Amino acid sequence: MRNRFIHRLSVTTLLGMFALGTLSACGIKGELKTPPPIWGDKAQAEKTQAEKAEMDQQDSEASNSNKP
């Protein structure tokens, strides 16, 4: 009876550790980029496009600074 409990506990612990390890690799690194709104006024869409252009410029500057 006790042996079965220890076996079940160890299997559950190993499966839990495996699940946490695999889920931790699923995230997006860096800032999240949100899509433009599906509906709304035009000013919001323009603001989103301006923010995207700014983020793209920062990304390109960062990649250029990594080159030797």
C-alpha atoms as a PDB file:
ATOM      1  CA  MET A   1       0.000   0.000   0.000  1.00  0.00           C
ATOM      2  CA  ARG A   2       2.726   2.481   0.959  1.00  0.00           C
ATOM      3  CA  ASN A   3       4.849   1.420  -2.003  1.00  0.00           C
ATOM      4  CA  ARG A   4       1.967   2.188  -4.399  1.00  0.00           C
ATOM      5  CA  PHE A   5       1.553   5.667  -2.873  1.00  0.00           C
ATOM      6  CA  ILE A   6       5.245   6.464  -3.280  1.00  0.00           C
ATOM      7  CA  HIS A   7       5.193   5.226  -6.865  1.00  0.00           C
ATOM      8  CA  ARG A   8       2.109   7.308  -7.714  1.00  0.00           C
ATOM      9  CA  LEU A   9       3.576  10.382  -6.019  1.00  0.00           C
ATOM     10  CA  SER A  10       6.852  10.117  -7.920  1.00  0.00           C
ATOM     11  CA  VAL A  11       5.090   9.606 -11.265  1.00  0.00           C
ATOM     12  CA  THR A  12       2.817  12.575 -10.613  1.00  0.00           C
ATOM     13  CA  THR A  13       5.789  14.739  -9.633  1.00  0.00           C
ATOM     14  CA  LEU A  14       7.731  13.799 -12.760  1.00  0.00           C
ATOM     15  CA  LEU A  15       4.746  14.463 -15.009  1.00  0.00           C
ATOM     16  CA  GLY A  16       4.190  17.826 -13.331  1.00  0.00           C
ATOM     17  CA  MET A  17       7.815  18.830 -13.799  1.00  0.00           C
ATOM     18  CA  PHE A  18       7.672  17.772 -17.454  1.00  0.00           C
ATOM     19  CA  ALA A  19       4.487  19.806 -18.016  1.00  0.00           C
ATOM     20  CA  LEU A  20       5.978  22.915 -16.408  1.00  0.00           C
ATOM     21  CA  GLY A  21       9.145  22.558 -18.451  1.00  0.00           C
ATOM     22  CA  THR A  22       7.304  22.287 -21.738  1.00  0.00           C
ATOM     23  CA  LEU A  23       4.886  25.116 -20.973  1.00  0.00           C
ATOM     24  CA  SER A  24       7.656  27.485 -19.992  1.00  0.00           C
ATOM     25  CA  ALA A  25       9.079  27.252 -23.526  1.00  0.00           C
ATOM     26  CA  CYS A  26       5.819  28.413 -25.147  1.00  0.00           C
ATOM     27  CA  GLY A  27       6.098  32.127 -24.386  1.00  0.00           C
ATOM     28  CA  ILE A  28       6.909  34.972 -26.722  1.00  0.00           C
ATOM     29  CA  LYS A  29      10.123  36.722 -25.843  1.00  0.00           C
ATOM     30  CA  GLY A  30      10.125  40.515 -25.735  1.00  0.00           C
ATOM     31  CA  GLU A  31       7.187  42.876 -25.963  1.00  0.00           C
ATOM     32  CA  LEU A  32       3.854  41.622 -27.244  1.00  0.00           C
ATOM     33  CA  LYS A  33       2.680  43.163 -30.488  1.00  0.00           C
ATOM     34  CA  THR A  34      -1.063  43.556 -30.636  1.00  0.00           C
ATOM     35  CA  PRO A  35      -2.957  43.512 -33.927  1.00  0.00           C
ATOM     36  CA  PRO A  36      -4.860  46.572 -35.089  1.00  0.00           C
ATOM     37  CA  PRO A  37      -8.485  46.862 -34.003  1.00  0.00           C
ATOM     38  CA  ILE A  38     -11.110  45.043 -36.048  1.00  0.00           C
ATOM     39  CA  TRP A  39     -13.448  48.011 -35.802  1.00  0.00           C
ATOM     40  CA  GLY A  40     -13.185  51.521 -34.427  1.00  0.00           C
ATOM     41  CA  ASP A  41     -12.386  54.971 -35.604  1.00  0.00           C
ATOM     42  CA  LYS A  42      -9.661  55.758 -38.092  1.00  0.00           C
ATOM     43  CA  ALA A  43      -7.537  57.674 -35.581  1.00  0.00           C
ATOM     44  CA  GLN A  44      -7.031  54.536 -33.483  1.00  0.00           C
ATOM     45  CA  ALA A  45      -5.879  52.606 -36.563  1.00  0.00           C
ATOM     46  CA  GLU A  46      -3.432  55.370 -37.496  1.00  0.00           C
ATOM     47  CA  LYS A  47      -2.070  55.427 -33.957  1.00  0.00           C
ATOM     48  CA  THR A  48      -1.550  51.665 -34.081  1.00  0.00           C
ATOM     49  CA  GLN A  49       0.274  51.946 -37.411  1.00  0.00           C
ATOM     50  CA  ALA A  50       2.529  54.680 -36.021  1.00  0.00           C
ATOM     51  CA  GLU A  51       3.376  52.548 -32.980  1.00  0.00           C
ATOM     52  CA  LYS A  52       4.145  49.577 -35.210  1.00  0.00           C
ATOM     53  CA  ALA A  53       6.439  51.676 -37.393  1.00  0.00           C
ATOM     54  CA  GLU A  54       8.246  52.917 -34.287  1.00  0.00           C
ATOM     55  CA  MET A  55       8.677  49.366 -32.976  1.00  0.00           C
ATOM     56  CA  ASP A  56       9.994  48.180 -36.351  1.00  0.00           C
ATOM     57  CA  GLN A  57      12.491  51.032 -36.380  1.00  0.00           C
ATOM     58  CA  GLN A  58      13.693  50.118 -32.877  1.00  0.00           C
ATOM     59  CA  ASP A  59      14.010  46.464 -33.909  1.00  0.00           C
ATOM     60  CA  SER A  60      16.073  47.370 -36.970  1.00  0.00           C
ATOM     61  CA  GLU A  61      18.318  49.660 -34.893  1.00  0.00           C
ATOM     62  CA  ALA A  62      18.855  46.880 -32.358  1.00  0.00           C
ATOM     63  CA  SER A  63      19.730  44.342 -35.064  1.00  0.00           C
ATOM     64  CA  ASN A  64      22.145  46.822 -36.706  1.00  0.00           C
ATOM     65  CA  SER A  65      23.912  47.442 -33.408  1.00  0.00           C
ATOM     66  CA  ASN A  66      24.556  43.695 -33.009  1.00  0.00           C
ATOM     67  CA  LYS A  67      26.490  43.492 -36.279  1.00  0.00           C
ATOM     68  CA  PRO A  68      30.309  43.784 -36.018  1.00  0.00           C
END
